[in-house]
Amino acid sequence: MTQQQSTDAELAAQPAAYWTGVAYEALIAFTRAQQAELGFTQPQFWLLRNLSKADLSADGHGRTLTDLRQAMQSYLRAEDDLAAEAEVLLERGWLSRDGEGLLWITEQGEEARLRLKQHAPQIRSDIHRGIDDADYVTTLKVLQQMIRNTGGTSGG
């Protein structure tokens, strides 16, 4: 597929699966590059989020890497090495590991999670530049309908 100017009729005939795949890869690459410039990785941020009672953890209790992988299965990528990412966070003092092998977010980790979270609006803004909210909402509704049409669950 080329990125030449196409007519609306030509665009309507193009495969959604191709373009959603291209969009997914581009958005992930962009987001991860922005985060890397800021000194962290997306999986590191996800680990902090999944261990924080103020975010995705329901109870703030420590979790094993297996539990964390399970919790993140819908968005982890094949190349994501949670064990290696957790080790970096342990070295930074953002996580701790107890005698049972459970990972816990530390006070420094919670402070880091909040600092890292502050970058999300700018990354989103960069991705959404030139796209008004109405067009974005329409796009999501169309994608959700395509997911339902193909037997998937859109979560929305």
C-alpha atoms as a PDB file:
ATOM      1  CA  MET A   1       0.000   0.000   0.000  1.00  0.00           C
ATOM      2  CA  THR A   2       1.309   3.442  -0.888  1.00  0.00           C
ATOM      3  CA  GLN A   3       0.525   6.717   0.767  1.00  0.00           C
ATOM      4  CA  GLN A   4      -0.522   8.560  -2.376  1.00  0.00           C
ATOM      5  CA  GLN A   5      -3.617  10.716  -2.552  1.00  0.00           C
ATOM      6  CA  SER A   6      -6.553   8.379  -3.012  1.00  0.00           C
ATOM      7  CA  THR A   7     -10.126   9.179  -3.842  1.00  0.00           C
ATOM      8  CA  ASP A   8     -12.815   8.459  -1.268  1.00  0.00           C
ATOM      9  CA  ALA A   9     -13.965   5.516  -3.409  1.00  0.00           C
ATOM     10  CA  GLU A  10     -10.434   4.110  -3.501  1.00  0.00           C
ATOM     11  CA  LEU A  11     -10.066   4.541   0.244  1.00  0.00           C
ATOM     12  CA  ALA A  12     -13.410   2.837   0.888  1.00  0.00           C
ATOM     13  CA  ALA A  13     -12.162  -0.221  -1.005  1.00  0.00           C
ATOM     14  CA  GLN A  14      -8.928  -0.569   0.981  1.00  0.00           C
ATOM     15  CA  PRO A  15      -8.547  -3.279   3.635  1.00  0.00           C
ATOM     16  CA  ALA A  16      -9.168  -2.060   7.167  1.00  0.00           C
ATOM     17  CA  ALA A  17      -6.966  -4.813   8.606  1.00  0.00           C
ATOM     18  CA  TYR A  18      -3.947  -3.487   6.716  1.00  0.00           C
ATOM     19  CA  TRP A  19      -4.458   0.098   7.882  1.00  0.00           C
ATOM     20  CA  THR A  20      -5.267  -0.792  11.478  1.00  0.00           C
ATOM     21  CA  GLY A  21      -2.058  -2.852  11.576  1.00  0.00           C
ATOM     22  CA  VAL A  22       0.005  -0.023  10.119  1.00  0.00           C
ATOM     23  CA  ALA A  23      -1.595   2.426  12.552  1.00  0.00           C
ATOM     24  CA  TYR A  24      -0.978   0.125  15.530  1.00  0.00           C
ATOM     25  CA  GLU A  25       2.711  -0.311  14.713  1.00  0.00           C
ATOM     26  CA  ALA A  26       3.225   3.412  14.067  1.00  0.00           C
ATOM     27  CA  LEU A  27       1.429   4.488  17.247  1.00  0.00           C
ATOM     28  CA  ILE A  28       3.280   1.985  19.436  1.00  0.00           C
ATOM     29  CA  ALA A  29       6.650   2.915  17.908  1.00  0.00           C
ATOM     30  CA  PHE A  30       5.965   6.632  18.376  1.00  0.00           C
ATOM     31  CA  THR A  31       4.761   6.237  21.960  1.00  0.00           C
ATOM     32  CA  ARG A  32       7.690   4.035  22.928  1.00  0.00           C
ATOM     33  CA  ALA A  33      10.211   6.382  21.293  1.00  0.00           C
ATOM     34  CA  GLN A  34       8.767   9.340  23.201  1.00  0.00           C
ATOM     35  CA  GLN A  35       8.914   7.402  26.470  1.00  0.00           C
ATOM     36  CA  ALA A  36      12.487   6.238  25.780  1.00  0.00           C
ATOM     37  CA  GLU A  37      13.533   9.871  25.309  1.00  0.00           C
ATOM     38  CA  LEU A  38      12.091  10.510  28.772  1.00  0.00           C
ATOM     39  CA  GLY A  39      14.077   7.614  30.285  1.00  0.00           C
ATOM     40  CA  PHE A  40      11.497   4.873  30.702  1.00  0.00           C
ATOM     41  CA  THR A  41       9.788   2.135  28.753  1.00  0.00           C
ATOM     42  CA  GLN A  42       6.137   1.433  28.222  1.00  0.00           C
ATOM     43  CA  PRO A  43       6.370  -1.958  30.002  1.00  0.00           C
ATOM     44  CA  GLN A  44       8.028  -0.263  32.998  1.00  0.00           C
ATOM     45  CA  PHE A  45       5.146   2.198  33.193  1.00  0.00           C
ATOM     46  CA  TRP A  46       2.654  -0.676  32.917  1.00  0.00           C
ATOM     47  CA  LEU A  47       4.374  -2.520  35.777  1.00  0.00           C
ATOM     48  CA  LEU A  48       4.087   0.547  37.999  1.00  0.00           C
ATOM     49  CA  ARG A  49       0.459   1.067  36.994  1.00  0.00           C
ATOM     50  CA  ASN A  50      -0.493  -2.553  37.650  1.00  0.00           C
ATOM     51  CA  LEU A  51       1.099  -2.454  41.109  1.00  0.00           C
ATOM     52  CA  SER A  52      -0.281   0.928  42.185  1.00  0.00           C
ATOM     53  CA  LYS A  53      -3.450   0.978  44.262  1.00  0.00           C
ATOM     54  CA  ALA A  54      -3.987   4.504  42.904  1.00  0.00           C
ATOM     55  CA  ASP A  55      -4.069   3.143  39.349  1.00  0.00           C
ATOM     56  CA  LEU A  56      -4.786  -0.364  37.976  1.00  0.00           C
ATOM     57  CA  SER A  57      -4.258  -2.473  41.107  1.00  0.00           C
ATOM     58  CA  ALA A  58      -7.505  -3.027  42.994  1.00  0.00           C
ATOM     59  CA  ASP A  59      -5.791  -3.609  46.329  1.00  0.00           C
ATOM     60  CA  GLY A  60      -2.151  -2.486  45.981  1.00  0.00           C
ATOM     61  CA  HIS A  61      -1.020  -5.993  46.937  1.00  0.00           C
ATOM     62  CA  GLY A  62       2.238  -7.396  45.596  1.00  0.00           C
ATOM     63  CA  ARG A  63       2.060  -9.611  42.528  1.00  0.00           C
ATOM     64  CA  THR A  64       4.216 -12.178  40.802  1.00  0.00           C
ATOM     65  CA  LEU A  65       5.570 -11.627  37.313  1.00  0.00           C
ATOM     66  CA  THR A  66       3.201 -14.374  36.145  1.00  0.00           C
ATOM     67  CA  ASP A  67       0.242 -12.486  37.623  1.00  0.00           C
ATOM     68  CA  LEU A  68       1.435  -9.257  36.022  1.00  0.00           C
ATOM     69  CA  ARG A  69       1.899 -10.904  32.612  1.00  0.00           C
ATOM     70  CA  GLN A  70      -1.642 -12.272  32.887  1.00  0.00           C
ATOM     71  CA  ALA A  71      -3.026  -8.842  33.793  1.00  0.00           C
ATOM     72  CA  MET A  72      -1.236  -7.272  30.811  1.00  0.00           C
ATOM     73  CA  GLN A  73      -1.793 -10.038  28.263  1.00  0.00           C
ATOM     74  CA  SER A  74      -4.034  -7.946  26.020  1.00  0.00           C
ATOM     75  CA  TYR A  75      -1.410  -5.245  25.492  1.00  0.00           C
ATOM     76  CA  LEU A  76       2.020  -6.812  26.026  1.00  0.00           C
ATOM     77  CA  ARG A  77       4.044  -7.271  22.873  1.00  0.00           C
ATOM     78  CA  ALA A  78       6.073 -10.387  22.127  1.00  0.00           C
ATOM     79  CA  GLU A  79       9.333  -8.507  22.633  1.00  0.00           C
ATOM     80  CA  ASP A  80       8.347  -7.170  26.076  1.00  0.00           C
ATOM     81  CA  ASP A  81      10.499  -8.815  28.763  1.00  0.00           C
ATOM     82  CA  LEU A  82       8.746  -8.065  32.047  1.00  0.00           C
ATOM     83  CA  ALA A  83      11.428  -9.806  34.093  1.00  0.00           C
ATOM     84  CA  ALA A  84      14.149  -7.556  32.658  1.00  0.00           C
ATOM     85  CA  GLU A  85      11.945  -4.456  32.981  1.00  0.00           C
ATOM     86  CA  ALA A  86      11.163  -5.325  36.616  1.00  0.00           C
ATOM     87  CA  GLU A  87      14.883  -5.700  37.335  1.00  0.00           C
ATOM     88  CA  VAL A  88      15.479  -2.146  36.099  1.00  0.00           C
ATOM     89  CA  LEU A  89      12.711  -0.892  38.375  1.00  0.00           C
ATOM     90  CA  LEU A  90      14.105  -2.891  41.310  1.00  0.00           C
ATOM     91  CA  GLU A  91      17.539  -1.306  40.711  1.00  0.00           C
ATOM     92  CA  ARG A  92      15.954   2.161  40.625  1.00  0.00           C
ATOM     93  CA  GLY A  93      14.165   1.461  43.895  1.00  0.00           C
ATOM     94  CA  TRP A  94      10.751   1.854  42.252  1.00  0.00           C
ATOM     95  CA  LEU A  95       9.829  -1.755  43.022  1.00  0.00           C
ATOM     96  CA  SER A  96      10.731  -4.145  45.805  1.00  0.00           C
ATOM     97  CA  ARG A  97      10.535  -7.946  45.953  1.00  0.00           C
ATOM     98  CA  ASP A  98       9.528  -9.788  49.085  1.00  0.00           C
ATOM     99  CA  GLY A  99      10.611 -13.245  50.252  1.00  0.00           C
ATOM    100  CA  GLU A 100       7.735 -14.858  48.371  1.00  0.00           C
ATOM    101  CA  GLY A 101       8.823 -13.299  45.076  1.00  0.00           C
ATOM    102  CA  LEU A 102       5.999 -10.756  44.984  1.00  0.00           C
ATOM    103  CA  LEU A 103       6.758  -7.386  43.419  1.00  0.00           C
ATOM    104  CA  TRP A 104       5.564  -4.288  45.242  1.00  0.00           C
ATOM    105  CA  ILE A 105       5.566  -0.666  44.167  1.00  0.00           C
ATOM    106  CA  THR A 106       7.618   1.509  46.505  1.00  0.00           C
ATOM    107  CA  GLU A 107       6.940   5.093  47.542  1.00  0.00           C
ATOM    108  CA  GLN A 108       9.611   6.168  45.034  1.00  0.00           C
ATOM    109  CA  GLY A 109       7.893   4.010  42.420  1.00  0.00           C
ATOM    110  CA  GLU A 110       4.554   5.691  43.073  1.00  0.00           C
ATOM    111  CA  GLU A 111       6.197   9.110  42.754  1.00  0.00           C
ATOM    112  CA  ALA A 112       7.817   7.968  39.490  1.00  0.00           C
ATOM    113  CA  ARG A 113       4.474   6.633  38.183  1.00  0.00           C
ATOM    114  CA  LEU A 114       2.910  10.035  38.770  1.00  0.00           C
ATOM    115  CA  ARG A 115       5.823  11.809  37.029  1.00  0.00           C
ATOM    116  CA  LEU A 116       5.677   9.425  34.067  1.00  0.00           C
ATOM    117  CA  LYS A 117       1.902   9.804  33.810  1.00  0.00           C
ATOM    118  CA  GLN A 118       2.339  13.565  33.326  1.00  0.00           C
ATOM    119  CA  HIS A 119       3.852  12.917  29.886  1.00  0.00           C
ATOM    120  CA  ALA A 120       0.822  11.032  28.534  1.00  0.00           C
ATOM    121  CA  PRO A 121      -1.230  14.136  27.579  1.00  0.00           C
ATOM    122  CA  GLN A 122       1.605  15.527  25.416  1.00  0.00           C
ATOM    123  CA  ILE A 123       2.145  12.189  23.684  1.00  0.00           C
ATOM    124  CA  ARG A 124      -1.610  11.967  23.033  1.00  0.00           C
ATOM    125  CA  SER A 125      -1.656  15.551  21.774  1.00  0.00           C
ATOM    126  CA  ASP A 126       1.177  14.832  19.340  1.00  0.00           C
ATOM    127  CA  ILE A 127      -0.641  11.747  18.025  1.00  0.00           C
ATOM    128  CA  HIS A 128      -3.967  13.592  17.682  1.00  0.00           C
ATOM    129  CA  ARG A 129      -2.543  16.731  16.016  1.00  0.00           C
ATOM    130  CA  GLY A 130      -4.804  17.770  13.131  1.00  0.00           C
ATOM    131  CA  ILE A 131      -7.614  15.409  14.132  1.00  0.00           C
ATOM    132  CA  ASP A 132     -10.704  16.899  15.710  1.00  0.00           C
ATOM    133  CA  ASP A 133     -12.465  15.013  18.482  1.00  0.00           C
ATOM    134  CA  ALA A 134     -15.570  14.343  16.366  1.00  0.00           C
ATOM    135  CA  ASP A 135     -13.503  12.596  13.669  1.00  0.00           C
ATOM    136  CA  TYR A 136     -11.629  10.616  16.306  1.00  0.00           C
ATOM    137  CA  VAL A 137     -14.872   9.493  17.964  1.00  0.00           C
ATOM    138  CA  THR A 138     -16.319   8.507  14.579  1.00  0.00           C
ATOM    139  CA  THR A 139     -13.187   6.491  13.797  1.00  0.00           C
ATOM    140  CA  LEU A 140     -13.400   4.623  17.106  1.00  0.00           C
ATOM    141  CA  LYS A 141     -17.103   3.906  16.603  1.00  0.00           C
ATOM    142  CA  VAL A 142     -16.404   2.539  13.128  1.00  0.00           C
ATOM    143  CA  LEU A 143     -13.582   0.333  14.445  1.00  0.00           C
ATOM    144  CA  GLN A 144     -15.762  -0.917  17.302  1.00  0.00           C
ATOM    145  CA  GLN A 145     -18.507  -1.831  14.845  1.00  0.00           C
ATOM    146  CA  MET A 146     -16.027  -3.671  12.631  1.00  0.00           C
ATOM    147  CA  ILE A 147     -14.844  -5.597  15.683  1.00  0.00           C
ATOM    148  CA  ARG A 148     -18.433  -6.543  16.553  1.00  0.00           C
ATOM    149  CA  ASN A 149     -19.129  -7.451  12.901  1.00  0.00           C
ATOM    150  CA  THR A 150     -16.272  -9.927  12.994  1.00  0.00           C
ATOM    151  CA  GLY A 151     -17.281 -11.546  16.300  1.00  0.00           C
ATOM    152  CA  GLY A 152     -14.839  -9.702  18.519  1.00  0.00           C
ATOM    153  CA  THR A 153     -15.522  -7.641  21.577  1.00  0.00           C
ATOM    154  CA  SER A 154     -14.719  -3.964  21.341  1.00  0.00           C
ATOM    155  CA  GLY A 155     -14.644  -3.183  25.035  1.00  0.00           C
ATOM    156  CA  GLY A 156     -16.439   0.065  24.335  1.00  0.00           C
END
